[in-house]
Amino acid sequence: MAQFTTLSRNIQVVALAAVCWAIWKLRNRACFEHKLIRSPAEIVCYACSFLNYWAELQQGGEGDLLRQGAALLQEEALGLHPTQVKTDSLQ
């Protein structure tokens, strides 16, 4: 966890963009498709999927760092909201 305390400005911007994009996409889904957000963990997991996808676009070791951070963040979110795992596995 200590390795994530001094992240580069680029990684901070990408992470913030992933969270904002996840909130925006899920908000649109709720408004236009009438599919409600089941839990905050859904937002975090969606943001992590963007981070994993965007990690391929990063240079140097920043992509690996983004993937590691996304995995850690997703693990924590699902640990705090274990019912999300059960719900996702049913679909």
N, C-alpha and C. Protein backbone atom coordinates (compact mmCIF):
# COMPACT_ATOMS: atom_id res chain seq x y z
N MET A 1 0.82 -1.19 0.00
CA MET A 1 0.00 0.00 0.00
C MET A 1 0.87 1.25 0.00
N ALA A 2 2.04 1.16 0.58
CA ALA A 2 2.92 2.33 0.66
C ALA A 2 3.35 2.81 -0.72
N GLN A 3 3.43 1.89 -1.68
CA GLN A 3 3.86 2.29 -3.03
C GLN A 3 2.84 3.18 -3.72
N PHE A 4 1.61 3.20 -3.23
CA PHE A 4 0.57 4.01 -3.86
C PHE A 4 0.42 5.39 -3.23
N THR A 5 1.24 5.70 -2.23
CA THR A 5 1.11 7.00 -1.57
C THR A 5 1.78 8.12 -2.35
N THR A 6 2.77 7.79 -3.16
CA THR A 6 3.47 8.82 -3.94
C THR A 6 3.32 8.54 -5.43
N LEU A 7 2.11 8.56 -5.90
CA LEU A 7 1.84 8.28 -7.30
C LEU A 7 2.17 9.49 -8.17
N SER A 8 2.52 9.21 -9.40
CA SER A 8 2.80 10.30 -10.34
C SER A 8 1.51 11.06 -10.64
N ARG A 9 1.66 12.25 -11.10
CA ARG A 9 0.52 13.10 -11.45
C ARG A 9 -0.33 12.44 -12.53
N ASN A 10 0.31 11.78 -13.48
CA ASN A 10 -0.40 11.11 -14.57
C ASN A 10 -1.33 10.02 -14.03
N ILE A 11 -0.83 9.21 -13.11
CA ILE A 11 -1.65 8.13 -12.56
C ILE A 11 -2.80 8.70 -11.74
N GLN A 12 -2.55 9.77 -11.02
CA GLN A 12 -3.62 10.41 -10.24
C GLN A 12 -4.73 10.90 -11.16
N VAL A 13 -4.36 11.50 -12.29
CA VAL A 13 -5.35 12.01 -13.24
C VAL A 13 -6.13 10.86 -13.86
N VAL A 14 -5.45 9.79 -14.24
CA VAL A 14 -6.12 8.63 -14.84
C VAL A 14 -7.08 8.01 -13.83
N ALA A 15 -6.66 7.88 -12.59
CA ALA A 15 -7.52 7.29 -11.56
C ALA A 15 -8.76 8.15 -11.32
N LEU A 16 -8.58 9.45 -11.24
CA LEU A 16 -9.72 10.35 -11.06
C LEU A 16 -10.66 10.29 -12.26
N ALA A 17 -10.09 10.24 -13.45
CA ALA A 17 -10.91 10.14 -14.67
C ALA A 17 -11.72 8.84 -14.67
N ALA A 18 -11.12 7.75 -14.22
CA ALA A 18 -11.82 6.46 -14.18
C ALA A 18 -13.00 6.51 -13.22
N VAL A 19 -12.81 7.12 -12.07
CA VAL A 19 -13.91 7.25 -11.10
C VAL A 19 -15.01 8.14 -11.66
N CYS A 20 -14.65 9.27 -12.22
CA CYS A 20 -15.65 10.18 -12.80
C CYS A 20 -16.39 9.52 -13.96
N TRP A 21 -15.67 8.81 -14.80
CA TRP A 21 -16.29 8.15 -15.95
C TRP A 21 -17.24 7.05 -15.50
N ALA A 22 -16.85 6.30 -14.47
CA ALA A 22 -17.70 5.24 -13.94
C ALA A 22 -18.99 5.83 -13.37
N ILE A 23 -18.87 6.91 -12.61
CA ILE A 23 -20.05 7.56 -12.04
C ILE A 23 -20.96 8.06 -13.16
N TRP A 24 -20.37 8.68 -14.16
CA TRP A 24 -21.15 9.22 -15.28
C TRP A 24 -21.88 8.11 -16.04
N LYS A 25 -21.16 7.03 -16.37
CA LYS A 25 -21.78 5.94 -17.13
C LYS A 25 -22.89 5.26 -16.33
N LEU A 26 -22.67 5.04 -15.04
CA LEU A 26 -23.69 4.39 -14.23
C LEU A 26 -24.88 5.32 -13.98
N ARG A 27 -24.62 6.61 -13.91
CA ARG A 27 -25.70 7.58 -13.79
C ARG A 27 -26.57 7.57 -15.04
N ASN A 28 -25.92 7.53 -16.20
CA ASN A 28 -26.67 7.47 -17.45
C ASN A 28 -27.48 6.18 -17.54
N ARG A 29 -26.89 5.08 -17.12
CA ARG A 29 -27.60 3.80 -17.14
C ARG A 29 -28.83 3.87 -16.22
N ALA A 30 -28.67 4.50 -15.06
CA ALA A 30 -29.80 4.63 -14.13
C ALA A 30 -30.89 5.54 -14.70
N CYS A 31 -30.48 6.63 -15.33
CA CYS A 31 -31.46 7.59 -15.86
C CYS A 31 -32.17 7.09 -17.11
N PHE A 32 -31.41 6.55 -18.04
CA PHE A 32 -31.97 6.23 -19.35
C PHE A 32 -32.42 4.78 -19.52
N GLU A 33 -31.79 3.87 -18.80
CA GLU A 33 -32.16 2.46 -18.91
C GLU A 33 -32.91 1.97 -17.68
N HIS A 34 -33.05 2.84 -16.69
CA HIS A 34 -33.76 2.53 -15.45
C HIS A 34 -33.17 1.33 -14.72
N LYS A 35 -31.84 1.19 -14.79
CA LYS A 35 -31.13 0.14 -14.06
C LYS A 35 -30.42 0.81 -12.89
N LEU A 36 -30.88 0.53 -11.70
CA LEU A 36 -30.36 1.19 -10.51
C LEU A 36 -28.99 0.64 -10.12
N ILE A 37 -28.22 1.49 -9.47
CA ILE A 37 -26.93 1.10 -8.93
C ILE A 37 -27.20 0.31 -7.66
N ARG A 38 -26.68 -0.91 -7.59
CA ARG A 38 -26.98 -1.78 -6.47
C ARG A 38 -26.18 -1.46 -5.22
N SER A 39 -24.95 -0.97 -5.39
CA SER A 39 -24.12 -0.68 -4.24
C SER A 39 -22.97 0.23 -4.67
N PRO A 40 -22.31 0.87 -3.71
CA PRO A 40 -21.13 1.67 -4.04
C PRO A 40 -20.01 0.82 -4.64
N ALA A 41 -19.98 -0.45 -4.28
CA ALA A 41 -18.95 -1.34 -4.82
C ALA A 41 -19.07 -1.47 -6.33
N GLU A 42 -20.27 -1.33 -6.85
CA GLU A 42 -20.48 -1.40 -8.30
C GLU A 42 -19.75 -0.26 -9.00
N ILE A 43 -19.78 0.92 -8.40
CA ILE A 43 -19.07 2.07 -8.97
C ILE A 43 -17.57 1.82 -8.95
N VAL A 44 -17.08 1.33 -7.83
CA VAL A 44 -15.64 1.07 -7.69
C VAL A 44 -15.19 0.00 -8.68
N CYS A 45 -15.95 -1.07 -8.80
CA CYS A 45 -15.58 -2.15 -9.73
C CYS A 45 -15.61 -1.67 -11.18
N TYR A 46 -16.56 -0.82 -11.50
CA TYR A 46 -16.64 -0.27 -12.86
C TYR A 46 -15.44 0.63 -13.13
N ALA A 47 -15.07 1.45 -12.14
CA ALA A 47 -13.88 2.30 -12.28
C ALA A 47 -12.63 1.44 -12.44
N CYS A 48 -12.55 0.34 -11.72
CA CYS A 48 -11.40 -0.56 -11.83
C CYS A 48 -11.32 -1.19 -13.22
N SER A 49 -12.46 -1.46 -13.83
CA SER A 49 -12.43 -2.01 -15.19
C SER A 49 -11.87 -0.98 -16.16
N PHE A 50 -12.19 0.29 -15.97
CA PHE A 50 -11.60 1.34 -16.80
C PHE A 50 -10.11 1.44 -16.56
N LEU A 51 -9.70 1.37 -15.29
CA LEU A 51 -8.27 1.45 -14.98
C LEU A 51 -7.50 0.32 -15.65
N ASN A 52 -8.04 -0.88 -15.61
CA ASN A 52 -7.37 -2.02 -16.26
C ASN A 52 -7.29 -1.83 -17.77
N TYR A 53 -8.34 -1.31 -18.35
CA TYR A 53 -8.35 -1.07 -19.80
C TYR A 53 -7.36 0.02 -20.17
N TRP A 54 -7.37 1.11 -19.41
CA TRP A 54 -6.50 2.24 -19.71
C TRP A 54 -5.05 1.98 -19.34
N ALA A 55 -4.80 0.96 -18.54
CA ALA A 55 -3.41 0.65 -18.16
C ALA A 55 -2.57 0.31 -19.38
N GLU A 56 -3.21 -0.25 -20.40
CA GLU A 56 -2.50 -0.60 -21.63
C GLU A 56 -1.98 0.64 -22.36
N LEU A 57 -2.57 1.78 -22.10
CA LEU A 57 -2.19 3.01 -22.79
C LEU A 57 -1.07 3.77 -22.09
N GLN A 58 -0.69 3.30 -20.91
CA GLN A 58 0.33 4.00 -20.12
C GLN A 58 1.73 3.57 -20.54
N GLN A 59 2.67 4.47 -20.33
CA GLN A 59 4.06 4.19 -20.69
C GLN A 59 4.85 3.77 -19.46
N GLY A 60 5.91 3.04 -19.71
CA GLY A 60 6.77 2.62 -18.62
C GLY A 60 6.07 1.65 -17.69
N GLY A 61 6.36 1.76 -16.42
CA GLY A 61 5.76 0.87 -15.43
C GLY A 61 4.45 1.38 -14.87
N GLU A 62 3.96 2.49 -15.40
CA GLU A 62 2.72 3.06 -14.86
C GLU A 62 1.51 2.17 -15.14
N GLY A 63 1.52 1.45 -16.24
CA GLY A 63 0.41 0.53 -16.53
C GLY A 63 0.33 -0.58 -15.50
N ASP A 64 1.48 -1.13 -15.15
CA ASP A 64 1.50 -2.18 -14.12
C ASP A 64 1.02 -1.64 -12.79
N LEU A 65 1.44 -0.43 -12.47
CA LEU A 65 1.02 0.19 -11.21
C LEU A 65 -0.49 0.43 -11.20
N LEU A 66 -1.04 0.83 -12.32
CA LEU A 66 -2.50 1.02 -12.41
C LEU A 66 -3.24 -0.30 -12.23
N ARG A 67 -2.75 -1.36 -12.84
CA ARG A 67 -3.39 -2.67 -12.70
C ARG A 67 -3.33 -3.16 -11.25
N GLN A 68 -2.18 -2.97 -10.61
CA GLN A 68 -2.04 -3.38 -9.21
C GLN A 68 -2.99 -2.58 -8.32
N GLY A 69 -3.04 -1.28 -8.55
CA GLY A 69 -3.93 -0.43 -7.77
C GLY A 69 -5.39 -0.78 -7.97
N ALA A 70 -5.76 -1.08 -9.21
CA ALA A 70 -7.15 -1.45 -9.51
C ALA A 70 -7.51 -2.75 -8.82
N ALA A 71 -6.60 -3.71 -8.84
CA ALA A 71 -6.86 -5.00 -8.18
C ALA A 71 -7.02 -4.82 -6.67
N LEU A 72 -6.17 -4.01 -6.08
CA LEU A 72 -6.24 -3.75 -4.65
C LEU A 72 -7.53 -3.02 -4.29
N LEU A 73 -7.88 -2.04 -5.07
CA LEU A 73 -9.10 -1.27 -4.83
C LEU A 73 -10.35 -2.14 -4.97
N GLN A 74 -10.37 -2.97 -5.98
CA GLN A 74 -11.52 -3.85 -6.20
C GLN A 74 -11.64 -4.88 -5.07
N GLU A 75 -10.52 -5.41 -4.64
CA GLU A 75 -10.53 -6.38 -3.54
C GLU A 75 -11.09 -5.74 -2.27
N GLU A 76 -10.68 -4.52 -1.98
CA GLU A 76 -11.18 -3.82 -0.80
C GLU A 76 -12.67 -3.53 -0.92
N ALA A 77 -13.10 -3.08 -2.08
CA ALA A 77 -14.52 -2.76 -2.27
C ALA A 77 -15.39 -3.99 -2.12
N LEU A 78 -14.95 -5.10 -2.69
CA LEU A 78 -15.73 -6.33 -2.59
C LEU A 78 -15.66 -6.91 -1.19
N GLY A 79 -14.56 -6.66 -0.49
CA GLY A 79 -14.45 -7.10 0.90
C GLY A 79 -15.42 -6.35 1.81
N LEU A 80 -15.66 -5.10 1.51
CA LEU A 80 -16.59 -4.30 2.30
C LEU A 80 -18.04 -4.55 1.90
N HIS A 81 -18.24 -5.08 0.71
CA HIS A 81 -19.59 -5.31 0.21
C HIS A 81 -19.67 -6.70 -0.42
N PRO A 82 -19.59 -7.77 0.41
CA PRO A 82 -19.53 -9.13 -0.14
C PRO A 82 -20.77 -9.57 -0.90
N THR A 83 -21.92 -8.95 -0.67
CA THR A 83 -23.12 -9.34 -1.41
C THR A 83 -23.01 -9.01 -2.88
N GLN A 84 -22.14 -8.05 -3.22
CA GLN A 84 -21.94 -7.68 -4.62
C GLN A 84 -21.40 -8.87 -5.41
N VAL A 85 -20.50 -9.64 -4.81
CA VAL A 85 -19.92 -10.80 -5.49
C VAL A 85 -21.00 -11.81 -5.79
N LYS A 86 -21.86 -12.08 -4.82
CA LYS A 86 -22.94 -13.04 -5.01
C LYS A 86 -23.90 -12.57 -6.10
N THR A 87 -24.23 -11.31 -6.10
CA THR A 87 -25.14 -10.76 -7.10
C THR A 87 -24.54 -10.84 -8.50
N ASP A 88 -23.25 -10.50 -8.62
CA ASP A 88 -22.60 -10.53 -9.92
C ASP A 88 -22.48 -11.94 -10.47
N SER A 89 -22.28 -12.92 -9.61
CA SER A 89 -22.10 -14.28 -10.10
C SER A 89 -23.41 -14.89 -10.59
N LEU A 90 -24.55 -14.31 -10.23
CA LEU A 90 -25.84 -14.84 -10.68
C LEU A 90 -26.19 -14.41 -12.09
N GLN A 91 -25.55 -13.38 -12.59
CA GLN A 91 -25.91 -12.86 -13.92
C GLN A 91 -25.16 -13.54 -15.02
